Amino acid sequence: MTAERVLELLAVLQSGGVNATLDGGWGVDALLGRETRSHEDLDLVVALSDVARIHEALRPLGFRLREDHLPVRFVLQRNGEQLDFHTVTFDAEGGGVQPQPGGGSFRYPPEGFVTGRVRGMSVPCISASVQVLCHLGYEPTRKDAHDVLQLCRAFGLRVPEAYARFAGTGAA
């Protein structure tokens, strides 16, 4: 997934009436303002109420449903491209509440929706502190460690205990 393709897909979604916020690897790179690694997919936070509009906007490009885990998330795929949509319901304060697979929910706080840059273009993304929070509660991969350590260094955040063992490994 290239930077140019990220911008194209955001534009297609926006023209279809969908506000999409970068999360995951591209969200990290948008916060940093530069591409720090290659990306296999594109993670986006979207309103659950926009699912039909998302399908409508991306179907002409050849995207088809690959995984359906609604109301938590769904994945669209086209050839080698994969889009992972994290669906939320926005509350009165502007936070996004996402149900979790094992029950309960996760709330993206209103201040967690910020702006970053991809190829110099302003794009919506999830904040560094919320990105780090989203990387907790599971066994991290080297890719996860790369992203978390990049964010912690750039934004002066404390490295979570689960990622401390990666700090001297070159994962970032």
C-alpha atoms as a PDB file:
ATOM      1  CA  MET A   1       0.000   0.000   0.000  1.00  0.00           C
ATOM      2  CA  THR A   2       1.741   3.141  -1.214  1.00  0.00           C
ATOM      3  CA  ALA A   3       1.332   6.676   0.081  1.00  0.00           C
ATOM      4  CA  GLU A   4      -0.206   7.723  -3.225  1.00  0.00           C
ATOM      5  CA  ARG A   5      -2.756   4.918  -2.982  1.00  0.00           C
ATOM      6  CA  VAL A   6      -3.634   5.900   0.597  1.00  0.00           C
ATOM      7  CA  LEU A   7      -4.417   9.432  -0.580  1.00  0.00           C
ATOM      8  CA  GLU A   8      -6.430   8.109  -3.552  1.00  0.00           C
ATOM      9  CA  LEU A   9      -8.516   5.826  -1.352  1.00  0.00           C
ATOM     10  CA  LEU A  10      -9.163   8.543   1.220  1.00  0.00           C
ATOM     11  CA  ALA A  11     -10.373  10.795  -1.610  1.00  0.00           C
ATOM     12  CA  VAL A  12     -12.664   8.076  -2.998  1.00  0.00           C
ATOM     13  CA  LEU A  13     -14.162   7.488   0.429  1.00  0.00           C
ATOM     14  CA  GLN A  14     -14.606  11.202   1.076  1.00  0.00           C
ATOM     15  CA  SER A  15     -16.318  11.664  -2.298  1.00  0.00           C
ATOM     16  CA  GLY A  16     -18.685   8.881  -1.213  1.00  0.00           C
ATOM     17  CA  GLY A  17     -19.571  10.770   1.965  1.00  0.00           C
ATOM     18  CA  VAL A  18     -17.334   8.721   4.266  1.00  0.00           C
ATOM     19  CA  ASN A  19     -15.026  10.264   6.842  1.00  0.00           C
ATOM     20  CA  ALA A  20     -12.161   7.814   7.357  1.00  0.00           C
ATOM     21  CA  THR A  21      -9.356   8.203   9.898  1.00  0.00           C
ATOM     22  CA  LEU A  22      -5.972   6.525   9.433  1.00  0.00           C
ATOM     23  CA  ASP A  23      -5.054   3.988  12.084  1.00  0.00           C
ATOM     24  CA  GLY A  24      -2.356   1.314  12.316  1.00  0.00           C
ATOM     25  CA  GLY A  25       0.858   1.628  10.325  1.00  0.00           C
ATOM     26  CA  TRP A  26      -0.249   4.402   8.007  1.00  0.00           C
ATOM     27  CA  GLY A  27      -1.698   6.256  10.991  1.00  0.00           C
ATOM     28  CA  VAL A  28       1.708   6.058  12.674  1.00  0.00           C
ATOM     29  CA  ASP A  29       3.495   7.278   9.561  1.00  0.00           C
ATOM     30  CA  ALA A  30       0.982  10.125   9.119  1.00  0.00           C
ATOM     31  CA  LEU A  31       1.716  11.280  12.670  1.00  0.00           C
ATOM     32  CA  LEU A  32       5.447  11.127  11.977  1.00  0.00           C
ATOM     33  CA  GLY A  33       4.986  12.862   8.613  1.00  0.00           C
ATOM     34  CA  ARG A  34       7.090  10.282   6.788  1.00  0.00           C
ATOM     35  CA  GLU A  35       6.960   6.677   5.684  1.00  0.00           C
ATOM     36  CA  THR A  36       8.969   4.561   8.128  1.00  0.00           C
ATOM     37  CA  ARG A  37       8.231   1.076   6.738  1.00  0.00           C
ATOM     38  CA  SER A  38       6.355  -0.714   3.976  1.00  0.00           C
ATOM     39  CA  HIS A  39       2.655  -1.341   4.539  1.00  0.00           C
ATOM     40  CA  GLU A  40       0.695  -4.430   3.566  1.00  0.00           C
ATOM     41  CA  ASP A  41      -2.709  -2.897   4.267  1.00  0.00           C
ATOM     42  CA  LEU A  42      -4.563   0.234   5.264  1.00  0.00           C
ATOM     43  CA  ASP A  43      -6.348   0.467   8.628  1.00  0.00           C
ATOM     44  CA  LEU A  44      -9.166   2.978   8.905  1.00  0.00           C
ATOM     45  CA  VAL A  45     -11.522   4.030  11.682  1.00  0.00           C
ATOM     46  CA  VAL A  46     -14.985   4.728  10.264  1.00  0.00           C
ATOM     47  CA  ALA A  47     -18.535   5.168  11.500  1.00  0.00           C
ATOM     48  CA  LEU A  48     -20.500   1.923  11.635  1.00  0.00           C
ATOM     49  CA  SER A  49     -23.356   3.826   9.982  1.00  0.00           C
ATOM     50  CA  ASP A  50     -21.118   4.380   6.907  1.00  0.00           C
ATOM     51  CA  VAL A  51     -20.599   0.679   6.052  1.00  0.00           C
ATOM     52  CA  ALA A  52     -23.040   0.718   3.112  1.00  0.00           C
ATOM     53  CA  ARG A  53     -21.491   3.941   1.740  1.00  0.00           C
ATOM     54  CA  ILE A  54     -18.013   2.389   2.011  1.00  0.00           C
ATOM     55  CA  HIS A  55     -19.068  -0.638  -0.033  1.00  0.00           C
ATOM     56  CA  GLU A  56     -20.774   1.617  -2.575  1.00  0.00           C
ATOM     57  CA  ALA A  57     -17.714   3.885  -2.934  1.00  0.00           C
ATOM     58  CA  LEU A  58     -15.179   1.053  -3.270  1.00  0.00           C
ATOM     59  CA  ARG A  59     -17.129  -1.551  -5.264  1.00  0.00           C
ATOM     60  CA  PRO A  60     -16.429   0.239  -8.607  1.00  0.00           C
ATOM     61  CA  LEU A  61     -12.699  -0.098  -7.841  1.00  0.00           C
ATOM     62  CA  GLY A  62     -13.096  -3.866  -7.497  1.00  0.00           C
ATOM     63  CA  PHE A  63     -12.993  -4.145  -3.697  1.00  0.00           C
ATOM     64  CA  ARG A  64     -14.939  -7.081  -2.280  1.00  0.00           C
ATOM     65  CA  LEU A  65     -15.694  -8.270   1.233  1.00  0.00           C
ATOM     66  CA  ARG A  66     -13.011 -10.604   2.563  1.00  0.00           C
ATOM     67  CA  GLU A  67     -13.871 -10.693   6.281  1.00  0.00           C
ATOM     68  CA  ASP A  68     -17.053  -9.660   8.068  1.00  0.00           C
ATOM     69  CA  HIS A  69     -16.729  -9.246  11.822  1.00  0.00           C
ATOM     70  CA  LEU A  70     -19.291  -6.463  12.166  1.00  0.00           C
ATOM     71  CA  PRO A  71     -19.978  -4.568  14.299  1.00  0.00           C
ATOM     72  CA  VAL A  72     -16.283  -4.757  15.297  1.00  0.00           C
ATOM     73  CA  ARG A  73     -14.572  -4.556  11.902  1.00  0.00           C
ATOM     74  CA  PHE A  74     -14.582  -5.728   8.300  1.00  0.00           C
ATOM     75  CA  VAL A  75     -11.980  -6.189   5.584  1.00  0.00           C
ATOM     76  CA  LEU A  76     -12.245  -5.372   1.887  1.00  0.00           C
ATOM     77  CA  GLN A  77      -9.754  -6.747  -0.606  1.00  0.00           C
ATOM     78  CA  ARG A  78      -8.856  -6.157  -4.243  1.00  0.00           C
ATOM     79  CA  ASN A  79      -6.028  -8.139  -5.790  1.00  0.00           C
ATOM     80  CA  GLY A  80      -3.166  -7.525  -3.337  1.00  0.00           C
ATOM     81  CA  GLU A  81      -4.747  -4.515  -1.632  1.00  0.00           C
ATOM     82  CA  GLN A  82      -6.415  -4.894   1.753  1.00  0.00           C
ATOM     83  CA  LEU A  83      -8.462  -2.336   3.678  1.00  0.00           C
ATOM     84  CA  ASP A  84      -9.215  -3.068   7.340  1.00  0.00           C
ATOM     85  CA  PHE A  85     -12.123  -0.976   8.627  1.00  0.00           C
ATOM     86  CA  HIS A  86     -12.497  -0.502  12.396  1.00  0.00           C
ATOM     87  CA  THR A  87     -16.131   0.482  12.879  1.00  0.00           C
ATOM     88  CA  VAL A  88     -17.230   2.821  15.661  1.00  0.00           C
ATOM     89  CA  THR A  89     -20.377   4.522  16.832  1.00  0.00           C
ATOM     90  CA  PHE A  90     -19.710   8.146  17.662  1.00  0.00           C
ATOM     91  CA  ASP A  91     -21.025   9.368  21.005  1.00  0.00           C
ATOM     92  CA  ALA A  92     -22.270  12.842  21.962  1.00  0.00           C
ATOM     93  CA  GLU A  93     -18.745  13.986  22.900  1.00  0.00           C
ATOM     94  CA  GLY A  94     -17.226  12.893  19.565  1.00  0.00           C
ATOM     95  CA  GLY A  95     -15.585   9.729  20.865  1.00  0.00           C
ATOM     96  CA  GLY A  96     -15.824   6.558  18.791  1.00  0.00           C
ATOM     97  CA  VAL A  97     -17.000   3.410  20.573  1.00  0.00           C
ATOM     98  CA  GLN A  98     -15.933   0.111  19.025  1.00  0.00           C
ATOM     99  CA  PRO A  99     -17.321  -3.208  20.289  1.00  0.00           C
ATOM    100  CA  GLN A 100     -14.606  -5.763  21.048  1.00  0.00           C
ATOM    101  CA  PRO A 101     -14.606  -9.399  19.897  1.00  0.00           C
ATOM    102  CA  GLY A 102     -14.588 -10.814  23.445  1.00  0.00           C
ATOM    103  CA  GLY A 103     -17.244  -8.419  24.699  1.00  0.00           C
ATOM    104  CA  GLY A 104     -16.930  -4.953  26.101  1.00  0.00           C
ATOM    105  CA  SER A 105     -15.870  -1.988  24.033  1.00  0.00           C
ATOM    106  CA  PHE A 106     -12.994   0.360  23.297  1.00  0.00           C
ATOM    107  CA  ARG A 107     -13.546   4.111  23.127  1.00  0.00           C
ATOM    108  CA  TYR A 108     -11.424   6.293  20.874  1.00  0.00           C
ATOM    109  CA  PRO A 109     -11.556   9.564  22.852  1.00  0.00           C
ATOM    110  CA  PRO A 110     -12.510  12.744  20.957  1.00  0.00           C
ATOM    111  CA  GLU A 111      -8.979  14.129  21.417  1.00  0.00           C
ATOM    112  CA  GLY A 112      -7.652  10.929  19.819  1.00  0.00           C
ATOM    113  CA  PHE A 113      -8.811  12.124  16.396  1.00  0.00           C
ATOM    114  CA  VAL A 114      -6.032  14.352  15.103  1.00  0.00           C
ATOM    115  CA  THR A 115      -4.345  15.353  11.846  1.00  0.00           C
ATOM    116  CA  GLY A 116      -1.157  14.029  10.277  1.00  0.00           C
ATOM    117  CA  ARG A 117       0.517  14.198   6.883  1.00  0.00           C
ATOM    118  CA  VAL A 118       0.961  11.750   4.024  1.00  0.00           C
ATOM    119  CA  ARG A 119       3.157  13.053   1.202  1.00  0.00           C
ATOM    120  CA  GLY A 120       2.655  16.549   2.593  1.00  0.00           C
ATOM    121  CA  MET A 121      -1.141  16.269   2.476  1.00  0.00           C
ATOM    122  CA  SER A 122      -3.124  16.769   5.668  1.00  0.00           C
ATOM    123  CA  VAL A 123      -5.020  13.596   6.646  1.00  0.00           C
ATOM    124  CA  PRO A 124      -7.107  12.545   9.646  1.00  0.00           C
ATOM    125  CA  CYS A 125      -5.407  10.018  11.911  1.00  0.00           C
ATOM    126  CA  ILE A 126      -5.499   8.548  15.396  1.00  0.00           C
ATOM    127  CA  SER A 127      -3.239  10.267  17.959  1.00  0.00           C
ATOM    128  CA  ALA A 128       0.053   8.804  19.162  1.00  0.00           C
ATOM    129  CA  SER A 129      -1.161   8.087  22.698  1.00  0.00           C
ATOM    130  CA  VAL A 130      -4.284   6.293  21.450  1.00  0.00           C
ATOM    131  CA  GLN A 131      -2.250   4.359  18.866  1.00  0.00           C
ATOM    132  CA  VAL A 132       0.054   3.128  21.654  1.00  0.00           C
ATOM    133  CA  LEU A 133      -2.975   2.209  23.781  1.00  0.00           C
ATOM    134  CA  CYS A 134      -4.405   0.202  20.857  1.00  0.00           C
ATOM    135  CA  HIS A 135      -1.162  -1.798  20.692  1.00  0.00           C
ATOM    136  CA  LEU A 136      -1.602  -3.208  24.205  1.00  0.00           C
ATOM    137  CA  GLY A 137      -3.267  -6.401  25.408  1.00  0.00           C
ATOM    138  CA  TYR A 138      -1.731  -8.853  22.942  1.00  0.00           C
ATOM    139  CA  GLU A 139       1.669 -10.307  22.106  1.00  0.00           C
ATOM    140  CA  PRO A 140       3.439  -7.668  19.974  1.00  0.00           C
ATOM    141  CA  THR A 141       5.126  -8.457  16.678  1.00  0.00           C
ATOM    142  CA  ARG A 142       8.295  -6.744  15.441  1.00  0.00           C
ATOM    143  CA  LYS A 143       6.075  -4.566  13.219  1.00  0.00           C
ATOM    144  CA  ASP A 144       4.015  -3.532  16.261  1.00  0.00           C
ATOM    145  CA  ALA A 145       7.228  -2.803  18.160  1.00  0.00           C
ATOM    146  CA  HIS A 146       8.537  -0.690  15.291  1.00  0.00           C
ATOM    147  CA  ASP A 147       5.373   1.425  15.293  1.00  0.00           C
ATOM    148  CA  VAL A 148       5.098   1.810  19.076  1.00  0.00           C
ATOM    149  CA  LEU A 149       8.773   2.657  19.556  1.00  0.00           C
ATOM    150  CA  GLN A 150       8.657   5.218  16.735  1.00  0.00           C
ATOM    151  CA  LEU A 151       5.674   6.920  18.383  1.00  0.00           C
ATOM    152  CA  CYS A 152       7.147   6.831  21.889  1.00  0.00           C
ATOM    153  CA  ARG A 153      10.419   8.379  20.709  1.00  0.00           C
ATOM    154  CA  ALA A 154       8.802  11.034  18.528  1.00  0.00           C
ATOM    155  CA  PHE A 155       6.131  12.081  21.026  1.00  0.00           C
ATOM    156  CA  GLY A 156       7.967  11.561  24.316  1.00  0.00           C
ATOM    157  CA  LEU A 157       5.657   8.764  25.452  1.00  0.00           C
ATOM    158  CA  ARG A 158       6.634   6.096  27.964  1.00  0.00           C
ATOM    159  CA  VAL A 159       7.461   2.772  26.288  1.00  0.00           C
ATOM    160  CA  PRO A 160       4.894   0.237  27.524  1.00  0.00           C
ATOM    161  CA  GLU A 161       6.322  -2.710  29.451  1.00  0.00           C
ATOM    162  CA  ALA A 162       5.273  -5.164  26.718  1.00  0.00           C
ATOM    163  CA  TYR A 163       7.535  -3.262  24.281  1.00  0.00           C
ATOM    164  CA  ALA A 164      10.547  -2.598  26.525  1.00  0.00           C
ATOM    165  CA  ARG A 165      12.307  -5.756  25.334  1.00  0.00           C
ATOM    166  CA  PHE A 166      12.302  -4.361  21.775  1.00  0.00           C
ATOM    167  CA  ALA A 167      13.810  -1.000  22.718  1.00  0.00           C
ATOM    168  CA  GLY A 168      17.410  -2.021  22.006  1.00  0.00           C
ATOM    169  CA  THR A 169      16.731  -4.437  19.130  1.00  0.00           C
ATOM    170  CA  GLY A 170      16.521  -2.040  16.225  1.00  0.00           C
ATOM    171  CA  ALA A 171      12.779  -2.695  15.885  1.00  0.00           C
ATOM    172  CA  ALA A 172      12.324   1.025  15.413  1.00  0.00           C
END
